[in-house]
Amino acid sequence: MMHLVLGGARSGKSRYAESLFSRHENSANRTDEKNGAAAVYVATATAGDEEMAARIARHQADRATPSDDGNTIDWTVIEEPRALAATLAALPDGQAVLVDCLTLYLTNWLCADDADGWEREKAALLEEVSKARLSLVMVSNEVGSGIVPLGELSRRFVDEAGWLNQALAQLASQVTLVVAGYPLVVKAQDDSRGSGASHPTENGSRETDMSEEMS
């Protein structure tokens, strides 16, 4: 299964995603010989400057802080900025995994200026996620609600992030949007269609039928 957690900057999405693991059977401060580490944290950020290094340090401190129920999650951290598909493929079936975050992963690819490599990596990631063999939570920014950026690279980032989120949302068993620290259900685990009926559009995204939504 895969749970996609979306949210804006400082929305609380990472904290919410981490809290899901305190209730996971593999995360109670133990290592299971069959399933591997109690919980794997795949971090995609790179410390390119002091500000980003401070952000990474803050996330590291947050991971060491007990959750609301008093549990401290036994994370095994893998730092991987670009080869996410291969990283997930190397993990054992049933492994509990948190990926944080997809938009930094995308940024790393765009900054590498390797469009063909990104398309291959994206296809491999979607293929790996579609196997549904991991207990996977993926965090991504919802970046499409603001103004259209002026710069070409920024516009491409918004487009690519939106397409990646749509593709992963189709594969996800659950999608949650975090706003001001509060999780809003976009797609429930028992409803593969999300809110209302939806249909694939030409580019593979899903289009809500508002006539059915309002009926």
C-alpha atoms as a PDB file:
ATOM      1  CA  MET A   1       0.000   0.000   0.000  1.00  0.00           C
ATOM      2  CA  MET A   2       1.039   3.606  -0.482  1.00  0.00           C
ATOM      3  CA  HIS A   3      -0.200   6.672   1.359  1.00  0.00           C
ATOM      4  CA  LEU A   4       0.520   9.987  -0.392  1.00  0.00           C
ATOM      5  CA  VAL A   5       0.718  12.976   1.970  1.00  0.00           C
ATOM      6  CA  LEU A   6       0.501  16.396   0.319  1.00  0.00           C
ATOM      7  CA  GLY A   7       0.782  19.885   1.757  1.00  0.00           C
ATOM      8  CA  GLY A   8       2.274  23.310   1.336  1.00  0.00           C
ATOM      9  CA  ALA A   9       5.405  24.669   3.005  1.00  0.00           C
ATOM     10  CA  ARG A  10       5.192  24.491   6.806  1.00  0.00           C
ATOM     11  CA  SER A  11       1.808  22.785   6.573  1.00  0.00           C
ATOM     12  CA  GLY A  12       2.768  20.027   9.016  1.00  0.00           C
ATOM     13  CA  LYS A  13       2.853  17.338   6.331  1.00  0.00           C
ATOM     14  CA  SER A  14       6.142  15.772   7.461  1.00  0.00           C
ATOM     15  CA  ARG A  15       5.081  15.667  11.101  1.00  0.00           C
ATOM     16  CA  TYR A  16       1.786  14.077  10.118  1.00  0.00           C
ATOM     17  CA  ALA A  17       3.498  11.512   7.895  1.00  0.00           C
ATOM     18  CA  GLU A  18       5.922  10.578  10.669  1.00  0.00           C
ATOM     19  CA  SER A  19       3.033  10.191  13.128  1.00  0.00           C
ATOM     20  CA  LEU A  20       1.545   7.455  10.936  1.00  0.00           C
ATOM     21  CA  PHE A  21       4.506   5.240  11.780  1.00  0.00           C
ATOM     22  CA  SER A  22       3.963   5.392  15.532  1.00  0.00           C
ATOM     23  CA  ARG A  23       0.844   3.299  14.868  1.00  0.00           C
ATOM     24  CA  HIS A  24       2.531   0.923  12.431  1.00  0.00           C
ATOM     25  CA  GLU A  25       3.178  -2.620  13.568  1.00  0.00           C
ATOM     26  CA  ASN A  26       6.802  -2.443  12.368  1.00  0.00           C
ATOM     27  CA  SER A  27       7.707   0.813  14.119  1.00  0.00           C
ATOM     28  CA  ALA A  28       7.632  -0.033  17.816  1.00  0.00           C
ATOM     29  CA  ASN A  29      11.361   0.432  18.400  1.00  0.00           C
ATOM     30  CA  ARG A  30      12.394  -2.943  17.043  1.00  0.00           C
ATOM     31  CA  THR A  31      14.010  -4.609  14.075  1.00  0.00           C
ATOM     32  CA  ASP A  32      12.177  -7.509  12.476  1.00  0.00           C
ATOM     33  CA  GLU A  33      14.359 -10.133  10.774  1.00  0.00           C
ATOM     34  CA  LYS A  34      11.790 -10.742   8.055  1.00  0.00           C
ATOM     35  CA  ASN A  35      10.787  -7.151   7.327  1.00  0.00           C
ATOM     36  CA  GLY A  36      14.124  -5.480   7.989  1.00  0.00           C
ATOM     37  CA  ALA A  37      14.456  -2.214   9.903  1.00  0.00           C
ATOM     38  CA  ALA A  38      11.545  -1.084  12.063  1.00  0.00           C
ATOM     39  CA  ALA A  39      10.981   1.891   9.748  1.00  0.00           C
ATOM     40  CA  VAL A  40      13.091   3.242   6.914  1.00  0.00           C
ATOM     41  CA  TYR A  41      13.287   6.986   6.345  1.00  0.00           C
ATOM     42  CA  VAL A  42      14.409   7.901   2.822  1.00  0.00           C
ATOM     43  CA  ALA A  43      15.609  11.514   2.952  1.00  0.00           C
ATOM     44  CA  THR A  44      16.023  13.241  -0.420  1.00  0.00           C
ATOM     45  CA  ALA A  45      17.325  16.631   0.753  1.00  0.00           C
ATOM     46  CA  THR A  46      20.872  17.809   0.123  1.00  0.00           C
ATOM     47  CA  ALA A  47      22.598  20.501   2.180  1.00  0.00           C
ATOM     48  CA  GLY A  48      23.488  22.861  -0.629  1.00  0.00           C
ATOM     49  CA  ASP A  49      23.696  25.919   1.633  1.00  0.00           C
ATOM     50  CA  GLU A  50      23.498  26.897   5.306  1.00  0.00           C
ATOM     51  CA  GLU A  51      19.748  27.470   5.225  1.00  0.00           C
ATOM     52  CA  MET A  52      19.095  24.006   3.783  1.00  0.00           C
ATOM     53  CA  ALA A  53      21.520  22.454   6.260  1.00  0.00           C
ATOM     54  CA  ALA A  54      19.516  24.075   9.066  1.00  0.00           C
ATOM     55  CA  ARG A  55      16.284  22.654   7.632  1.00  0.00           C
ATOM     56  CA  ILE A  56      17.792  19.176   7.500  1.00  0.00           C
ATOM     57  CA  ALA A  57      19.021  19.499  11.092  1.00  0.00           C
ATOM     58  CA  ARG A  58      15.536  20.555  12.191  1.00  0.00           C
ATOM     59  CA  HIS A  59      13.981  17.508  10.517  1.00  0.00           C
ATOM     60  CA  GLN A  60      16.569  15.272  12.177  1.00  0.00           C
ATOM     61  CA  ALA A  61      15.700  16.747  15.558  1.00  0.00           C
ATOM     62  CA  ASP A  62      11.978  16.279  14.888  1.00  0.00           C
ATOM     63  CA  ARG A  63      12.537  12.603  14.095  1.00  0.00           C
ATOM     64  CA  ALA A  64      14.216  12.146  17.479  1.00  0.00           C
ATOM     65  CA  THR A  65      11.286  13.774  19.293  1.00  0.00           C
ATOM     66  CA  PRO A  66       8.626  11.403  20.720  1.00  0.00           C
ATOM     67  CA  SER A  67       5.298  11.479  18.891  1.00  0.00           C
ATOM     68  CA  ASP A  68       2.046  12.570  20.527  1.00  0.00           C
ATOM     69  CA  ASP A  69       1.519   9.056  21.905  1.00  0.00           C
ATOM     70  CA  GLY A  70       4.966   9.088  23.516  1.00  0.00           C
ATOM     71  CA  ASN A  71       6.670   6.719  21.087  1.00  0.00           C
ATOM     72  CA  THR A  72      10.040   7.380  19.494  1.00  0.00           C
ATOM     73  CA  ILE A  73      10.268   5.726  16.095  1.00  0.00           C
ATOM     74  CA  ASP A  74      13.281   3.542  15.385  1.00  0.00           C
ATOM     75  CA  TRP A  75      14.240   5.044  12.019  1.00  0.00           C
ATOM     76  CA  THR A  76      16.871   3.651   9.698  1.00  0.00           C
ATOM     77  CA  VAL A  77      17.783   6.680   7.572  1.00  0.00           C
ATOM     78  CA  ILE A  78      18.811   6.391   3.925  1.00  0.00           C
ATOM     79  CA  GLU A  79      19.963   9.601   2.273  1.00  0.00           C
ATOM     80  CA  GLU A  80      19.270   9.372  -1.449  1.00  0.00           C
ATOM     81  CA  PRO A  81      18.698  12.537  -3.496  1.00  0.00           C
ATOM     82  CA  ARG A  82      17.983  10.975  -6.914  1.00  0.00           C
ATOM     83  CA  ALA A  83      17.994   7.152  -7.176  1.00  0.00           C
ATOM     84  CA  LEU A  84      14.716   6.701  -5.330  1.00  0.00           C
ATOM     85  CA  ALA A  85      13.340   3.910  -7.523  1.00  0.00           C
ATOM     86  CA  ALA A  86      16.412   1.726  -7.010  1.00  0.00           C
ATOM     87  CA  THR A  87      16.440   2.495  -3.274  1.00  0.00           C
ATOM     88  CA  LEU A  88      12.861   1.306  -2.854  1.00  0.00           C
ATOM     89  CA  ALA A  89      13.456  -1.739  -5.067  1.00  0.00           C
ATOM     90  CA  ALA A  90      16.301  -2.849  -2.785  1.00  0.00           C
ATOM     91  CA  LEU A  91      14.082  -2.951   0.319  1.00  0.00           C
ATOM     92  CA  PRO A  92      12.400  -6.187   1.477  1.00  0.00           C
ATOM     93  CA  ASP A  93       8.707  -6.864   0.943  1.00  0.00           C
ATOM     94  CA  GLY A  94       6.511  -5.448   3.693  1.00  0.00           C
ATOM     95  CA  GLN A  95       9.060  -2.873   4.805  1.00  0.00           C
ATOM     96  CA  ALA A  96       7.622   0.277   6.374  1.00  0.00           C
ATOM     97  CA  VAL A  97       9.079   3.252   4.481  1.00  0.00           C
ATOM     98  CA  LEU A  98       8.708   7.020   4.629  1.00  0.00           C
ATOM     99  CA  VAL A  99       9.959   9.086   1.678  1.00  0.00           C
ATOM    100  CA  ASP A 100      10.389  12.795   2.465  1.00  0.00           C
ATOM    101  CA  CYS A 101      10.110  14.500   0.151  1.00  0.00           C
ATOM    102  CA  LEU A 102       9.265  13.992  -3.507  1.00  0.00           C
ATOM    103  CA  THR A 103       9.568  17.648  -4.466  1.00  0.00           C
ATOM    104  CA  LEU A 104      13.181  17.843  -3.278  1.00  0.00           C
ATOM    105  CA  TYR A 105      13.813  14.612  -5.172  1.00  0.00           C
ATOM    106  CA  LEU A 106      12.341  16.280  -8.273  1.00  0.00           C
ATOM    107  CA  THR A 107      14.401  19.415  -7.651  1.00  0.00           C
ATOM    108  CA  ASN A 108      17.592  17.367  -7.524  1.00  0.00           C
ATOM    109  CA  TRP A 109      16.776  15.914 -10.942  1.00  0.00           C
ATOM    110  CA  LEU A 110      15.859  19.265 -12.486  1.00  0.00           C
ATOM    111  CA  CYS A 111      19.064  20.839 -11.189  1.00  0.00           C
ATOM    112  CA  ALA A 112      21.015  17.984 -12.780  1.00  0.00           C
ATOM    113  CA  ASP A 113      19.589  19.103 -16.150  1.00  0.00           C
ATOM    114  CA  ASP A 114      18.989  15.520 -17.288  1.00  0.00           C
ATOM    115  CA  ALA A 115      15.486  15.402 -18.769  1.00  0.00           C
ATOM    116  CA  ASP A 116      15.870  11.908 -20.228  1.00  0.00           C
ATOM    117  CA  GLY A 117      17.286  10.591 -16.960  1.00  0.00           C
ATOM    118  CA  TRP A 118      14.355  12.068 -15.049  1.00  0.00           C
ATOM    119  CA  GLU A 119      11.803  10.451 -17.345  1.00  0.00           C
ATOM    120  CA  ARG A 120      13.494   7.053 -16.895  1.00  0.00           C
ATOM    121  CA  GLU A 121      13.689   7.505 -13.125  1.00  0.00           C
ATOM    122  CA  LYS A 122      10.057   8.618 -12.891  1.00  0.00           C
ATOM    123  CA  ALA A 123       8.884   5.598 -14.912  1.00  0.00           C
ATOM    124  CA  ALA A 124      10.938   3.262 -12.717  1.00  0.00           C
ATOM    125  CA  LEU A 125       9.546   4.864  -9.551  1.00  0.00           C
ATOM    126  CA  LEU A 126       5.942   4.524 -10.696  1.00  0.00           C
ATOM    127  CA  GLU A 127       6.597   0.907 -11.669  1.00  0.00           C
ATOM    128  CA  GLU A 128       8.078   0.139  -8.245  1.00  0.00           C
ATOM    129  CA  VAL A 129       5.244   1.864  -6.369  1.00  0.00           C
ATOM    130  CA  SER A 130       2.635   0.043  -8.477  1.00  0.00           C
ATOM    131  CA  LYS A 131       3.891  -3.293  -7.123  1.00  0.00           C
ATOM    132  CA  ALA A 132       2.421  -2.321  -3.729  1.00  0.00           C
ATOM    133  CA  ARG A 133       4.877  -4.551  -1.897  1.00  0.00           C
ATOM    134  CA  LEU A 134       6.010  -1.937   0.668  1.00  0.00           C
ATOM    135  CA  SER A 135       4.127  -0.178   3.443  1.00  0.00           C
ATOM    136  CA  LEU A 136       4.955   3.170   1.938  1.00  0.00           C
ATOM    137  CA  VAL A 137       4.245   6.783   2.912  1.00  0.00           C
ATOM    138  CA  MET A 138       5.384   9.453   0.463  1.00  0.00           C
ATOM    139  CA  VAL A 139       5.459  13.181   1.239  1.00  0.00           C
ATOM    140  CA  SER A 140       5.151  15.806  -1.481  1.00  0.00           C
ATOM    141  CA  ASN A 141       4.449  19.523  -1.747  1.00  0.00           C
ATOM    142  CA  GLU A 142       1.232  20.784  -3.259  1.00  0.00           C
ATOM    143  CA  VAL A 143       2.697  23.581  -5.362  1.00  0.00           C
ATOM    144  CA  GLY A 144      -0.030  24.269  -7.925  1.00  0.00           C
ATOM    145  CA  SER A 145      -2.210  26.643  -5.913  1.00  0.00           C
ATOM    146  CA  GLY A 146      -0.093  29.785  -6.240  1.00  0.00           C
ATOM    147  CA  ILE A 147       0.674  32.150  -9.085  1.00  0.00           C
ATOM    148  CA  VAL A 148       2.348  30.929 -12.265  1.00  0.00           C
ATOM    149  CA  PRO A 149       6.129  31.387 -11.753  1.00  0.00           C
ATOM    150  CA  LEU A 150       7.998  33.779 -14.028  1.00  0.00           C
ATOM    151  CA  GLY A 151      11.104  31.650 -14.579  1.00  0.00           C
ATOM    152  CA  GLU A 152      11.217  28.765 -17.040  1.00  0.00           C
ATOM    153  CA  LEU A 153      12.803  26.326 -14.561  1.00  0.00           C
ATOM    154  CA  SER A 154      10.286  27.287 -11.870  1.00  0.00           C
ATOM    155  CA  ARG A 155       7.386  26.718 -14.271  1.00  0.00           C
ATOM    156  CA  ARG A 156       8.794  23.352 -15.233  1.00  0.00           C
ATOM    157  CA  PHE A 157       9.141  22.444 -11.554  1.00  0.00           C
ATOM    158  CA  VAL A 158       5.474  23.248 -10.883  1.00  0.00           C
ATOM    159  CA  ASP A 159       4.393  21.246 -13.941  1.00  0.00           C
ATOM    160  CA  GLU A 160       6.556  18.228 -13.151  1.00  0.00           C
ATOM    161  CA  ALA A 161       5.545  18.227  -9.482  1.00  0.00           C
ATOM    162  CA  GLY A 162       1.872  18.337 -10.434  1.00  0.00           C
ATOM    163  CA  TRP A 163       2.230  15.487 -12.925  1.00  0.00           C
ATOM    164  CA  LEU A 164       4.212  13.384 -10.435  1.00  0.00           C
ATOM    165  CA  ASN A 165       1.647  13.959  -7.681  1.00  0.00           C
ATOM    166  CA  GLN A 166      -1.216  13.034 -10.009  1.00  0.00           C
ATOM    167  CA  ALA A 167       0.484   9.833 -11.152  1.00  0.00           C
ATOM    168  CA  LEU A 168       1.268   8.760  -7.592  1.00  0.00           C
ATOM    169  CA  ALA A 169      -2.213   9.671  -6.351  1.00  0.00           C
ATOM    170  CA  GLN A 170      -3.676   7.236  -8.877  1.00  0.00           C
ATOM    171  CA  LEU A 171      -1.487   4.470  -7.414  1.00  0.00           C
ATOM    172  CA  ALA A 172      -2.051   5.440  -3.781  1.00  0.00           C
ATOM    173  CA  SER A 173      -4.477   3.634  -1.514  1.00  0.00           C
ATOM    174  CA  GLN A 174      -4.815   6.855   0.484  1.00  0.00           C
ATOM    175  CA  VAL A 175      -4.175  10.536  -0.239  1.00  0.00           C
ATOM    176  CA  THR A 176      -4.133  13.134   2.541  1.00  0.00           C
ATOM    177  CA  LEU A 177      -3.773  16.914   2.189  1.00  0.00           C
ATOM    178  CA  VAL A 178      -2.357  18.603   5.303  1.00  0.00           C
ATOM    179  CA  VAL A 179      -3.423  22.216   5.873  1.00  0.00           C
ATOM    180  CA  ALA A 180      -2.258  24.196   8.931  1.00  0.00           C
ATOM    181  CA  GLY A 181      -1.372  20.955  10.669  1.00  0.00           C
ATOM    182  CA  TYR A 182      -4.741  19.305  10.026  1.00  0.00           C
ATOM    183  CA  PRO A 183      -5.071  16.297   7.697  1.00  0.00           C
ATOM    184  CA  LEU A 184      -7.868  16.376   5.124  1.00  0.00           C
ATOM    185  CA  VAL A 185      -8.828  13.130   3.406  1.00  0.00           C
ATOM    186  CA  VAL A 186      -8.594  13.446  -0.379  1.00  0.00           C
ATOM    187  CA  LYS A 187      -8.746   9.737  -1.170  1.00  0.00           C
ATOM    188  CA  ALA A 188      -9.857   7.227   1.445  1.00  0.00           C
ATOM    189  CA  GLN A 189      -8.410   3.749   1.678  1.00  0.00           C
ATOM    190  CA  ASP A 190     -11.751   2.136   0.805  1.00  0.00           C
ATOM    191  CA  ASP A 191     -12.456   4.500  -2.101  1.00  0.00           C
ATOM    192  CA  SER A 192     -10.055   4.190  -5.034  1.00  0.00           C
ATOM    193  CA  ARG A 193     -11.872   7.027  -6.806  1.00  0.00           C
ATOM    194  CA  GLY A 194     -11.349   9.633  -4.079  1.00  0.00           C
ATOM    195  CA  SER A 195     -14.076  12.297  -3.662  1.00  0.00           C
ATOM    196  CA  GLY A 196     -16.715  11.720  -6.304  1.00  0.00           C
ATOM    197  CA  ALA A 197     -16.437   9.737  -9.520  1.00  0.00           C
ATOM    198  CA  SER A 198     -13.387  10.436 -11.616  1.00  0.00           C
ATOM    199  CA  HIS A 199     -12.124   9.541 -15.051  1.00  0.00           C
ATOM    200  CA  PRO A 200      -8.654   9.451 -16.615  1.00  0.00           C
ATOM    201  CA  THR A 201      -7.803  12.442 -18.773  1.00  0.00           C
ATOM    202  CA  GLU A 202      -5.580  12.240 -21.838  1.00  0.00           C
ATOM    203  CA  ASN A 203      -2.356  12.834 -19.880  1.00  0.00           C
ATOM    204  CA  GLY A 204      -3.196  10.142 -17.322  1.00  0.00           C
ATOM    205  CA  SER A 205      -4.545  12.391 -14.569  1.00  0.00           C
ATOM    206  CA  ARG A 206      -8.035  12.009 -13.151  1.00  0.00           C
ATOM    207  CA  GLU A 207     -10.911  14.371 -13.792  1.00  0.00           C
ATOM    208  CA  THR A 208     -13.760  14.633 -11.274  1.00  0.00           C
ATOM    209  CA  ASP A 209     -17.282  14.364 -12.646  1.00  0.00           C
ATOM    210  CA  MET A 210     -18.910  17.275 -10.821  1.00  0.00           C
ATOM    211  CA  SER A 211     -22.397  16.286 -11.951  1.00  0.00           C
ATOM    212  CA  GLU A 212     -22.054  13.098  -9.913  1.00  0.00           C
ATOM    213  CA  GLU A 213     -20.389  15.036  -7.086  1.00  0.00           C
ATOM    214  CA  MET A 214     -23.386  17.348  -6.764  1.00  0.00           C
ATOM    215  CA  SER A 215     -26.072  14.679  -7.147  1.00  0.00           C
END
